[in-house]
Amino acid sequence: MSPWDSRLGLAFVNILERDGNPYMLCPRQLLQKSVNELKSLGYEIKAGIEIEFMLFKEGTADPLEKNHYLCLSSTLDMEESFLDINDWLAKLGVEVECIHKESYPG
């Protein structure tokens, strides 16, 4: 179940062809293939993942805020949203080390 809406399901899957063979453009399949190839050469893969997203004003394509990257006041204004996002990710089994905002012009 989706942590943000109990009416939705959420699944992380490998995409397969109808005959059961891996779909060659599935990102998970491509990653696993690369990991296996490097492992056969004696390498071990270690990766850090950064989840990035954008927040928009409800019902628009306008960014939630346009302040500078280091603007603390707007970060504090979004604290409740950040805590909700942290809770959702925890329910998905994603360990959150840090949440911080970035911004872009307009």
PDB file of N, CA and C in Angstrom:
ATOM      1  N   MET A   1       0.833  -1.182   0.000  1.00  0.00           N
ATOM      2  CA  MET A   1       0.000   0.000   0.000  1.00  0.00           C
ATOM      3  C   MET A   1       0.878   1.246   0.000  1.00  0.00           C
ATOM      4  N   SER A   2       0.390   2.252  -0.660  1.00  0.00           N
ATOM      5  CA  SER A   2       1.094   3.526  -0.677  1.00  0.00           C
ATOM      6  C   SER A   2       0.962   4.192   0.687  1.00  0.00           C
ATOM      7  N   PRO A   3       2.061   4.699   1.251  1.00  0.00           N
ATOM      8  CA  PRO A   3       1.976   5.344   2.561  1.00  0.00           C
ATOM      9  C   PRO A   3       1.195   6.655   2.540  1.00  0.00           C
ATOM     10  N   TRP A   4       1.033   7.278   1.385  1.00  0.00           N
ATOM     11  CA  TRP A   4       0.335   8.550   1.346  1.00  0.00           C
ATOM     12  C   TRP A   4      -1.123   8.420   0.926  1.00  0.00           C
ATOM     13  N   ASP A   5      -1.531   7.235   0.418  1.00  0.00           N
ATOM     14  CA  ASP A   5      -2.926   7.044   0.041  1.00  0.00           C
ATOM     15  C   ASP A   5      -3.222   5.554   0.071  1.00  0.00           C
ATOM     16  N   SER A   6      -4.010   5.118   1.053  1.00  0.00           N
ATOM     17  CA  SER A   6      -4.255   3.688   1.242  1.00  0.00           C
ATOM     18  C   SER A   6      -5.046   3.058   0.097  1.00  0.00           C
ATOM     19  N   ARG A   7      -5.562   3.876  -0.817  1.00  0.00           N
ATOM     20  CA  ARG A   7      -6.283   3.334  -1.980  1.00  0.00           C
ATOM     21  C   ARG A   7      -5.332   2.925  -3.100  1.00  0.00           C
ATOM     22  N   LEU A   8      -4.062   3.259  -2.964  1.00  0.00           N
ATOM     23  CA  LEU A   8      -3.087   2.991  -4.015  1.00  0.00           C
ATOM     24  C   LEU A   8      -2.118   1.899  -3.599  1.00  0.00           C
ATOM     25  N   GLY A   9      -1.724   1.095  -4.578  1.00  0.00           N
ATOM     26  CA  GLY A   9      -0.681   0.108  -4.351  1.00  0.00           C
ATOM     27  C   GLY A   9       0.638   0.634  -4.894  1.00  0.00           C
ATOM     28  N   LEU A  10       1.717   0.117  -4.409  1.00  0.00           N
ATOM     29  CA  LEU A  10       3.036   0.543  -4.850  1.00  0.00           C
ATOM     30  C   LEU A  10       3.913  -0.688  -4.961  1.00  0.00           C
ATOM     31  N   ALA A  11       4.526  -0.882  -6.117  1.00  0.00           N
ATOM     32  CA  ALA A  11       5.363  -2.064  -6.316  1.00  0.00           C
ATOM     33  C   ALA A  11       6.606  -1.678  -7.107  1.00  0.00           C
ATOM     34  N   PHE A  12       7.752  -2.214  -6.685  1.00  0.00           N
ATOM     35  CA  PHE A  12       8.996  -2.052  -7.419  1.00  0.00           C
ATOM     36  C   PHE A  12       9.252  -3.400  -8.088  1.00  0.00           C
ATOM     37  N   VAL A  13       9.308  -3.415  -9.398  1.00  0.00           N
ATOM     38  CA  VAL A  13       9.368  -4.689 -10.116  1.00  0.00           C
ATOM     39  C   VAL A  13      10.404  -4.655 -11.234  1.00  0.00           C
ATOM     40  N   ASN A  14      10.790  -5.847 -11.653  1.00  0.00           N
ATOM     41  CA  ASN A  14      11.569  -6.010 -12.872  1.00  0.00           C
ATOM     42  C   ASN A  14      10.582  -6.215 -14.011  1.00  0.00           C
ATOM     43  N   ILE A  15      10.751  -5.482 -15.094  1.00  0.00           N
ATOM     44  CA  ILE A  15       9.857  -5.612 -16.238  1.00  0.00           C
ATOM     45  C   ILE A  15      10.356  -6.762 -17.106  1.00  0.00           C
ATOM     46  N   LEU A  16       9.419  -7.636 -17.477  1.00  0.00           N
ATOM     47  CA  LEU A  16       9.751  -8.804 -18.294  1.00  0.00           C
ATOM     48  C   LEU A  16       8.998  -8.766 -19.607  1.00  0.00           C
ATOM     49  N   GLU A  17       9.561  -9.435 -20.602  1.00  0.00           N
ATOM     50  CA  GLU A  17       8.860  -9.646 -21.868  1.00  0.00           C
ATOM     51  C   GLU A  17       7.753 -10.666 -21.619  1.00  0.00           C
ATOM     52  N   ARG A  18       6.832 -10.808 -22.573  1.00  0.00           N
ATOM     53  CA  ARG A  18       5.740 -11.777 -22.433  1.00  0.00           C
ATOM     54  C   ARG A  18       6.257 -13.199 -22.250  1.00  0.00           C
ATOM     55  N   ASP A  19       7.426 -13.486 -22.839  1.00  0.00           N
ATOM     56  CA  ASP A  19       7.974 -14.845 -22.733  1.00  0.00           C
ATOM     57  C   ASP A  19       8.756 -15.068 -21.430  1.00  0.00           C
ATOM     58  N   GLY A  20       8.802 -14.041 -20.556  1.00  0.00           N
ATOM     59  CA  GLY A  20       9.479 -14.172 -19.273  1.00  0.00           C
ATOM     60  C   GLY A  20      10.918 -13.706 -19.262  1.00  0.00           C
ATOM     61  N   ASN A  21      11.474 -13.387 -20.426  1.00  0.00           N
ATOM     62  CA  ASN A  21      12.839 -12.869 -20.487  1.00  0.00           C
ATOM     63  C   ASN A  21      12.873 -11.413 -20.039  1.00  0.00           C
ATOM     64  N   PRO A  22      14.011 -10.970 -19.488  1.00  0.00           N
ATOM     65  CA  PRO A  22      14.113  -9.573 -19.052  1.00  0.00           C
ATOM     66  C   PRO A  22      13.881  -8.593 -20.204  1.00  0.00           C
ATOM     67  N   TYR A  23      13.132  -7.535 -19.943  1.00  0.00           N
ATOM     68  CA  TYR A  23      12.935  -6.462 -20.913  1.00  0.00           C
ATOM     69  C   TYR A  23      14.211  -5.641 -20.947  1.00  0.00           C
ATOM     70  N   MET A  24      14.792  -5.494 -22.120  1.00  0.00           N
ATOM     71  CA  MET A  24      16.143  -4.927 -22.222  1.00  0.00           C
ATOM     72  C   MET A  24      16.255  -3.468 -21.801  1.00  0.00           C
ATOM     73  N   LEU A  25      15.154  -2.724 -21.727  1.00  0.00           N
ATOM     74  CA  LEU A  25      15.235  -1.318 -21.326  1.00  0.00           C
ATOM     75  C   LEU A  25      14.742  -1.073 -19.900  1.00  0.00           C
ATOM     76  N   CYS A  26      14.470  -2.126 -19.153  1.00  0.00           N
ATOM     77  CA  CYS A  26      14.051  -1.983 -17.758  1.00  0.00           C
ATOM     78  C   CYS A  26      15.245  -1.472 -16.943  1.00  0.00           C
ATOM     79  N   PRO A  27      15.116  -0.328 -16.277  1.00  0.00           N
ATOM     80  CA  PRO A  27      16.248   0.218 -15.517  1.00  0.00           C
ATOM     81  C   PRO A  27      16.788  -0.749 -14.465  1.00  0.00           C
ATOM     82  N   ARG A  28      15.912  -1.473 -13.791  1.00  0.00           N
ATOM     83  CA  ARG A  28      16.368  -2.427 -12.773  1.00  0.00           C
ATOM     84  C   ARG A  28      17.153  -3.564 -13.419  1.00  0.00           C
ATOM     85  N   GLN A  29      16.704  -4.025 -14.584  1.00  0.00           N
ATOM     86  CA  GLN A  29      17.402  -5.096 -15.293  1.00  0.00           C
ATOM     87  C   GLN A  29      18.777  -4.610 -15.765  1.00  0.00           C
ATOM     88  N   LEU A  30      18.814  -3.388 -16.298  1.00  0.00           N
ATOM     89  CA  LEU A  30      20.085  -2.832 -16.770  1.00  0.00           C
ATOM     90  C   LEU A  30      21.085  -2.688 -15.624  1.00  0.00           C
ATOM     91  N   LEU A  31      20.604  -2.230 -14.472  1.00  0.00           N
ATOM     92  CA  LEU A  31      21.482  -2.095 -13.312  1.00  0.00           C
ATOM     93  C   LEU A  31      21.994  -3.463 -12.874  1.00  0.00           C
ATOM     94  N   GLN A  32      21.095  -4.449 -12.775  1.00  0.00           N
ATOM     95  CA  GLN A  32      21.507  -5.781 -12.338  1.00  0.00           C
ATOM     96  C   GLN A  32      22.513  -6.393 -13.306  1.00  0.00           C
ATOM     97  N   LYS A  33      22.295  -6.188 -14.595  1.00  0.00           N
ATOM     98  CA  LYS A  33      23.235  -6.703 -15.600  1.00  0.00           C
ATOM     99  C   LYS A  33      24.621  -6.082 -15.409  1.00  0.00           C
ATOM    100  N   SER A  34      24.651  -4.765 -15.196  1.00  0.00           N
ATOM    101  CA  SER A  34      25.927  -4.077 -14.994  1.00  0.00           C
ATOM    102  C   SER A  34      26.612  -4.547 -13.720  1.00  0.00           C
ATOM    103  N   VAL A  35      25.841  -4.702 -12.645  1.00  0.00           N
ATOM    104  CA  VAL A  35      26.401  -5.182 -11.377  1.00  0.00           C
ATOM    105  C   VAL A  35      26.996  -6.575 -11.565  1.00  0.00           C
ATOM    106  N   ASN A  36      26.271  -7.450 -12.244  1.00  0.00           N
ATOM    107  CA  ASN A  36      26.754  -8.817 -12.474  1.00  0.00           C
ATOM    108  C   ASN A  36      28.017  -8.840 -13.331  1.00  0.00           C
ATOM    109  N   GLU A  37      28.057  -7.999 -14.374  1.00  0.00           N
ATOM    110  CA  GLU A  37      29.241  -7.955 -15.238  1.00  0.00           C
ATOM    111  C   GLU A  37      30.463  -7.481 -14.449  1.00  0.00           C
ATOM    112  N   LEU A  38      30.289  -6.444 -13.651  1.00  0.00           N
ATOM    113  CA  LEU A  38      31.406  -5.936 -12.860  1.00  0.00           C
ATOM    114  C   LEU A  38      31.823  -6.929 -11.774  1.00  0.00           C
ATOM    115  N   LYS A  39      30.846  -7.619 -11.191  1.00  0.00           N
ATOM    116  CA  LYS A  39      31.158  -8.634 -10.180  1.00  0.00           C
ATOM    117  C   LYS A  39      32.006  -9.753 -10.780  1.00  0.00           C
ATOM    118  N   SER A  40      31.704 -10.120 -12.031  1.00  0.00           N
ATOM    119  CA  SER A  40      32.481 -11.176 -12.694  1.00  0.00           C
ATOM    120  C   SER A  40      33.920 -10.742 -12.947  1.00  0.00           C
ATOM    121  N   LEU A  41      34.165  -9.424 -12.946  1.00  0.00           N
ATOM    122  CA  LEU A  41      35.511  -8.881 -13.127  1.00  0.00           C
ATOM    123  C   LEU A  41      36.203  -8.619 -11.792  1.00  0.00           C
ATOM    124  N   GLY A  42      35.512  -8.969 -10.689  1.00  0.00           N
ATOM    125  CA  GLY A  42      36.114  -8.811  -9.372  1.00  0.00           C
ATOM    126  C   GLY A  42      35.791  -7.506  -8.663  1.00  0.00           C
ATOM    127  N   TYR A  43      34.847  -6.749  -9.193  1.00  0.00           N
ATOM    128  CA  TYR A  43      34.468  -5.476  -8.569  1.00  0.00           C
ATOM    129  C   TYR A  43      33.191  -5.645  -7.757  1.00  0.00           C
ATOM    130  N   GLU A  44      33.079  -4.818  -6.705  1.00  0.00           N
ATOM    131  CA  GLU A  44      31.863  -4.785  -5.904  1.00  0.00           C
ATOM    132  C   GLU A  44      31.278  -3.377  -6.007  1.00  0.00           C
ATOM    133  N   ILE A  45      30.001  -3.295  -6.314  1.00  0.00           N
ATOM    134  CA  ILE A  45      29.337  -2.002  -6.476  1.00  0.00           C
ATOM    135  C   ILE A  45      28.820  -1.499  -5.140  1.00  0.00           C
ATOM    136  N   LYS A  46      29.114  -0.251  -4.855  1.00  0.00           N
ATOM    137  CA  LYS A  46      28.545   0.439  -3.698  1.00  0.00           C
ATOM    138  C   LYS A  46      28.009   1.764  -4.226  1.00  0.00           C
ATOM    139  N   ALA A  47      26.795   2.104  -3.835  1.00  0.00           N
ATOM    140  CA  ALA A  47      26.180   3.314  -4.375  1.00  0.00           C
ATOM    141  C   ALA A  47      25.421   4.056  -3.289  1.00  0.00           C
ATOM    142  N   GLY A  48      25.376   5.348  -3.442  1.00  0.00           N
ATOM    143  CA  GLY A  48      24.535   6.190  -2.608  1.00  0.00           C
ATOM    144  C   GLY A  48      23.454   6.779  -3.489  1.00  0.00           C
ATOM    145  N   ILE A  49      22.239   6.736  -3.017  1.00  0.00           N
ATOM    146  CA  ILE A  49      21.105   7.190  -3.810  1.00  0.00           C
ATOM    147  C   ILE A  49      20.592   8.508  -3.253  1.00  0.00           C
ATOM    148  N   GLU A  50      20.337   9.439  -4.153  1.00  0.00           N
ATOM    149  CA  GLU A  50      19.749  10.713  -3.759  1.00  0.00           C
ATOM    150  C   GLU A  50      18.402  10.841  -4.454  1.00  0.00           C
ATOM    151  N   ILE A  51      17.357  10.919  -3.661  1.00  0.00           N
ATOM    152  CA  ILE A  51      16.010  11.089  -4.204  1.00  0.00           C
ATOM    153  C   ILE A  51      15.755  12.585  -4.327  1.00  0.00           C
ATOM    154  N   GLU A  52      15.442  13.029  -5.534  1.00  0.00           N
ATOM    155  CA  GLU A  52      15.147  14.442  -5.745  1.00  0.00           C
ATOM    156  C   GLU A  52      13.713  14.588  -6.217  1.00  0.00           C
ATOM    157  N   PHE A  53      13.085  15.674  -5.837  1.00  0.00           N
ATOM    158  CA  PHE A  53      11.701  15.927  -6.219  1.00  0.00           C
ATOM    159  C   PHE A  53      11.463  17.427  -6.174  1.00  0.00           C
ATOM    160  N   MET A  54      10.346  17.836  -6.738  1.00  0.00           N
ATOM    161  CA  MET A  54       9.972  19.249  -6.730  1.00  0.00           C
ATOM    162  C   MET A  54       8.606  19.384  -6.090  1.00  0.00           C
ATOM    163  N   LEU A  55       8.391  20.466  -5.370  1.00  0.00           N
ATOM    164  CA  LEU A  55       7.104  20.769  -4.766  1.00  0.00           C
ATOM    165  C   LEU A  55       6.487  21.938  -5.518  1.00  0.00           C
ATOM    166  N   PHE A  56       5.212  21.781  -5.870  1.00  0.00           N
ATOM    167  CA  PHE A  56       4.503  22.816  -6.614  1.00  0.00           C
ATOM    168  C   PHE A  56       3.315  23.314  -5.802  1.00  0.00           C
ATOM    169  N   LYS A  57       2.918  24.554  -6.081  1.00  0.00           N
ATOM    170  CA  LYS A  57       1.697  25.069  -5.477  1.00  0.00           C
ATOM    171  C   LYS A  57       0.541  24.212  -5.979  1.00  0.00           C
ATOM    172  N   GLU A  58      -0.369  23.879  -5.082  1.00  0.00           N
ATOM    173  CA  GLU A  58      -1.462  22.973  -5.418  1.00  0.00           C
ATOM    174  C   GLU A  58      -2.243  23.462  -6.634  1.00  0.00           C
ATOM    175  N   GLY A  59      -2.431  22.556  -7.600  1.00  0.00           N
ATOM    176  CA  GLY A  59      -3.214  22.857  -8.792  1.00  0.00           C
ATOM    177  C   GLY A  59      -2.499  23.692  -9.835  1.00  0.00           C
ATOM    178  N   THR A  60      -1.190  23.904  -9.661  1.00  0.00           N
ATOM    179  CA  THR A  60      -0.442  24.737 -10.619  1.00  0.00           C
ATOM    180  C   THR A  60       0.873  24.044 -10.973  1.00  0.00           C
ATOM    181  N   ALA A  61       1.586  24.637 -11.913  1.00  0.00           N
ATOM    182  CA  ALA A  61       2.942  24.197 -12.234  1.00  0.00           C
ATOM    183  C   ALA A  61       3.960  25.191 -11.669  1.00  0.00           C
ATOM    184  N   ASP A  62       3.516  26.022 -10.724  1.00  0.00           N
ATOM    185  CA  ASP A  62       4.386  27.015 -10.097  1.00  0.00           C
ATOM    186  C   ASP A  62       5.118  26.381  -8.913  1.00  0.00           C
ATOM    187  N   PRO A  63       6.434  26.617  -8.813  1.00  0.00           N
ATOM    188  CA  PRO A  63       7.169  26.059  -7.676  1.00  0.00           C
ATOM    189  C   PRO A  63       6.596  26.579  -6.359  1.00  0.00           C
ATOM    190  N   LEU A  64       6.660  25.752  -5.329  1.00  0.00           N
ATOM    191  CA  LEU A  64       6.126  26.123  -4.021  1.00  0.00           C
ATOM    192  C   LEU A  64       6.804  27.377  -3.493  1.00  0.00           C
ATOM    193  N   GLU A  65       8.076  27.508  -3.764  1.00  0.00           N
ATOM    194  CA  GLU A  65       8.791  28.715  -3.340  1.00  0.00           C
ATOM    195  C   GLU A  65       9.936  29.005  -4.297  1.00  0.00           C
ATOM    196  N   LYS A  66      10.364  30.255  -4.325  1.00  0.00           N
ATOM    197  CA  LYS A  66      11.415  30.676  -5.254  1.00  0.00           C
ATOM    198  C   LYS A  66      12.598  31.303  -4.535  1.00  0.00           C
ATOM    199  N   ASN A  67      12.708  31.066  -3.238  1.00  0.00           N
ATOM    200  CA  ASN A  67      13.792  31.675  -2.477  1.00  0.00           C
ATOM    201  C   ASN A  67      15.126  31.026  -2.799  1.00  0.00           C
ATOM    202  N   HIS A  68      16.167  31.658  -2.352  1.00  0.00           N
ATOM    203  CA  HIS A  68      17.530  31.192  -2.556  1.00  0.00           C
ATOM    204  C   HIS A  68      17.748  29.852  -1.866  1.00  0.00           C
ATOM    205  N   TYR A  69      18.665  29.082  -2.378  1.00  0.00           N
ATOM    206  CA  TYR A  69      19.024  27.753  -1.877  1.00  0.00           C
ATOM    207  C   TYR A  69      19.237  27.735  -0.363  1.00  0.00           C
ATOM    208  N   LEU A  70      19.895  28.737   0.171  1.00  0.00           N
ATOM    209  CA  LEU A  70      20.245  28.757   1.593  1.00  0.00           C
ATOM    210  C   LEU A  70      19.273  29.557   2.453  1.00  0.00           C
ATOM    211  N   CYS A  71      18.102  29.882   1.940  1.00  0.00           N
ATOM    212  CA  CYS A  71      17.129  30.682   2.680  1.00  0.00           C
ATOM    213  C   CYS A  71      16.480  29.828   3.772  1.00  0.00           C
ATOM    214  N   LEU A  72      16.833  30.097   5.011  1.00  0.00           N
ATOM    215  CA  LEU A  72      16.352  29.300   6.128  1.00  0.00           C
ATOM    216  C   LEU A  72      14.868  29.509   6.399  1.00  0.00           C
ATOM    217  N   SER A  73      14.363  30.723   6.212  1.00  0.00           N
ATOM    218  CA  SER A  73      12.958  30.978   6.556  1.00  0.00           C
ATOM    219  C   SER A  73      12.018  30.126   5.710  1.00  0.00           C
ATOM    220  N   SER A  74      12.270  29.977   4.422  1.00  0.00           N
ATOM    221  CA  SER A  74      11.368  29.157   3.608  1.00  0.00           C
ATOM    222  C   SER A  74      11.534  27.678   3.926  1.00  0.00           C
ATOM    223  N   THR A  75      12.722  27.268   4.348  1.00  0.00           N
ATOM    224  CA  THR A  75      12.915  25.883   4.780  1.00  0.00           C
ATOM    225  C   THR A  75      12.051  25.608   6.004  1.00  0.00           C
ATOM    226  N   LEU A  76      12.029  26.541   6.950  1.00  0.00           N
ATOM    227  CA  LEU A  76      11.202  26.387   8.145  1.00  0.00           C
ATOM    228  C   LEU A  76       9.719  26.398   7.786  1.00  0.00           C
ATOM    229  N   ASP A  77       9.338  27.188   6.795  1.00  0.00           N
ATOM    230  CA  ASP A  77       7.941  27.228   6.354  1.00  0.00           C
ATOM    231  C   ASP A  77       7.492  25.878   5.795  1.00  0.00           C
ATOM    232  N   MET A  78       8.425  25.109   5.239  1.00  0.00           N
ATOM    233  CA  MET A  78       8.090  23.823   4.624  1.00  0.00           C
ATOM    234  C   MET A  78       8.354  22.644   5.561  1.00  0.00           C
ATOM    235  N   GLU A  79       8.645  22.933   6.828  1.00  0.00           N
ATOM    236  CA  GLU A  79       9.015  21.880   7.770  1.00  0.00           C
ATOM    237  C   GLU A  79       7.961  20.773   7.850  1.00  0.00           C
ATOM    238  N   GLU A  80       6.686  21.127   7.932  1.00  0.00           N
ATOM    239  CA  GLU A  80       5.633  20.110   8.046  1.00  0.00           C
ATOM    240  C   GLU A  80       5.617  19.199   6.817  1.00  0.00           C
ATOM    241  N   SER A  81       5.785  19.787   5.629  1.00  0.00           N
ATOM    242  CA  SER A  81       5.837  18.978   4.399  1.00  0.00           C
ATOM    243  C   SER A  81       7.045  18.046   4.415  1.00  0.00           C
ATOM    244  N   PHE A  82       8.183  18.543   4.842  1.00  0.00           N
ATOM    245  CA  PHE A  82       9.387  17.707   4.913  1.00  0.00           C
ATOM    246  C   PHE A  82       9.196  16.546   5.894  1.00  0.00           C
ATOM    247  N   LEU A  83       8.543  16.810   7.026  1.00  0.00           N
ATOM    248  CA  LEU A  83       8.296  15.743   7.997  1.00  0.00           C
ATOM    249  C   LEU A  83       7.352  14.686   7.422  1.00  0.00           C
ATOM    250  N   ASP A  84       6.332  15.127   6.673  1.00  0.00           N
ATOM    251  CA  ASP A  84       5.424  14.175   6.021  1.00  0.00           C
ATOM    252  C   ASP A  84       6.176  13.319   5.011  1.00  0.00           C
ATOM    253  N   ILE A  85       7.013  13.943   4.214  1.00  0.00           N
ATOM    254  CA  ILE A  85       7.799  13.212   3.214  1.00  0.00           C
ATOM    255  C   ILE A  85       8.720  12.212   3.901  1.00  0.00           C
ATOM    256  N   ASN A  86       9.343  12.632   4.985  1.00  0.00           N
ATOM    257  CA  ASN A  86      10.215  11.736   5.743  1.00  0.00           C
ATOM    258  C   ASN A  86       9.428  10.524   6.251  1.00  0.00           C
ATOM    259  N   ASP A  87       8.222  10.751   6.768  1.00  0.00           N
ATOM    260  CA  ASP A  87       7.382   9.651   7.253  1.00  0.00           C
ATOM    261  C   ASP A  87       7.007   8.703   6.114  1.00  0.00           C
ATOM    262  N   TRP A  88       6.636   9.243   4.947  1.00  0.00           N
ATOM    263  CA  TRP A  88       6.260   8.410   3.801  1.00  0.00           C
ATOM    264  C   TRP A  88       7.434   7.537   3.367  1.00  0.00           C
ATOM    265  N   LEU A  89       8.610   8.153   3.286  1.00  0.00           N
ATOM    266  CA  LEU A  89       9.785   7.385   2.867  1.00  0.00           C
ATOM    267  C   LEU A  89      10.125   6.294   3.879  1.00  0.00           C
ATOM    268  N   ALA A  90       9.979   6.594   5.164  1.00  0.00           N
ATOM    269  CA  ALA A  90      10.238   5.586   6.201  1.00  0.00           C
ATOM    270  C   ALA A  90       9.286   4.403   6.041  1.00  0.00           C
ATOM    271  N   LYS A  91       8.013   4.669   5.712  1.00  0.00           N
ATOM    272  CA  LYS A  91       7.044   3.589   5.508  1.00  0.00           C
ATOM    273  C   LYS A  91       7.393   2.732   4.295  1.00  0.00           C
ATOM    274  N   LEU A  92       8.130   3.316   3.353  1.00  0.00           N
ATOM    275  CA  LEU A  92       8.587   2.572   2.180  1.00  0.00           C
ATOM    276  C   LEU A  92       9.899   1.842   2.441  1.00  0.00           C
ATOM    277  N   GLY A  93      10.459   2.025   3.644  1.00  0.00           N
ATOM    278  CA  GLY A  93      11.716   1.379   3.975  1.00  0.00           C
ATOM    279  C   GLY A  93      12.937   2.165   3.541  1.00  0.00           C
ATOM    280  N   VAL A  94      12.754   3.434   3.189  1.00  0.00           N
ATOM    281  CA  VAL A  94      13.864   4.286   2.763  1.00  0.00           C
ATOM    282  C   VAL A  94      14.400   5.029   3.986  1.00  0.00           C
ATOM    283  N   GLU A  95      15.662   4.780   4.324  1.00  0.00           N
ATOM    284  CA  GLU A  95      16.281   5.458   5.452  1.00  0.00           C
ATOM    285  C   GLU A  95      16.733   6.845   4.996  1.00  0.00           C
ATOM    286  N   VAL A  96      16.188   7.864   5.627  1.00  0.00           N
ATOM    287  CA  VAL A  96      16.503   9.248   5.251  1.00  0.00           C
ATOM    288  C   VAL A  96      17.621   9.765   6.137  1.00  0.00           C
ATOM    289  N   GLU A  97      18.693  10.172   5.505  1.00  0.00           N
ATOM    290  CA  GLU A  97      19.821  10.730   6.237  1.00  0.00           C
ATOM    291  C   GLU A  97      19.654  12.233   6.425  1.00  0.00           C
ATOM    292  N   CYS A  98      19.108  12.885   5.395  1.00  0.00           N
ATOM    293  CA  CYS A  98      19.011  14.342   5.425  1.00  0.00           C
ATOM    294  C   CYS A  98      17.962  14.789   4.406  1.00  0.00           C
ATOM    295  N   ILE A  99      17.206  15.804   4.756  1.00  0.00           N
ATOM    296  CA  ILE A  99      16.319  16.463   3.792  1.00  0.00           C
ATOM    297  C   ILE A  99      16.731  17.922   3.751  1.00  0.00           C
ATOM    298  N   HIS A 100      16.960  18.425   2.564  1.00  0.00           N
ATOM    299  CA  HIS A 100      17.245  19.852   2.422  1.00  0.00           C
ATOM    300  C   HIS A 100      16.662  20.321   1.108  1.00  0.00           C
ATOM    301  N   LYS A 101      16.449  21.586   1.009  1.00  0.00           N
ATOM    302  CA  LYS A 101      15.855  22.121  -0.204  1.00  0.00           C
ATOM    303  C   LYS A 101      16.917  22.677  -1.137  1.00  0.00           C
ATOM    304  N   GLU A 102      16.568  22.646  -2.372  1.00  0.00           N
ATOM    305  CA  GLU A 102      17.325  23.336  -3.412  1.00  0.00           C
ATOM    306  C   GLU A 102      16.308  24.163  -4.149  1.00  0.00           C
ATOM    307  N   SER A 103      16.740  25.144  -4.875  1.00  0.00           N
ATOM    308  CA  SER A 103      15.775  25.932  -5.648  1.00  0.00           C
ATOM    309  C   SER A 103      16.406  26.312  -6.970  1.00  0.00           C
ATOM    310  N   TYR A 104      15.551  26.787  -7.826  1.00  0.00           N
ATOM    311  CA  TYR A 104      16.004  27.194  -9.144  1.00  0.00           C
ATOM    312  C   TYR A 104      15.267  28.472  -9.506  1.00  0.00           C
ATOM    313  N   PRO A 105      15.768  29.225 -10.450  1.00  0.00           N
ATOM    314  CA  PRO A 105      15.076  30.449 -10.825  1.00  0.00           C
ATOM    315  C   PRO A 105      13.719  30.159 -11.467  1.00  0.00           C
ATOM    316  N   GLY A 106      12.697  30.886 -10.993  1.00  0.00           N
ATOM    317  CA  GLY A 106      11.356  30.912 -11.580  1.00  0.00           C
ATOM    318  C   GLY A 106      10.790  29.609 -11.896  1.00  0.00           C
TER     319      GLY A 106
END
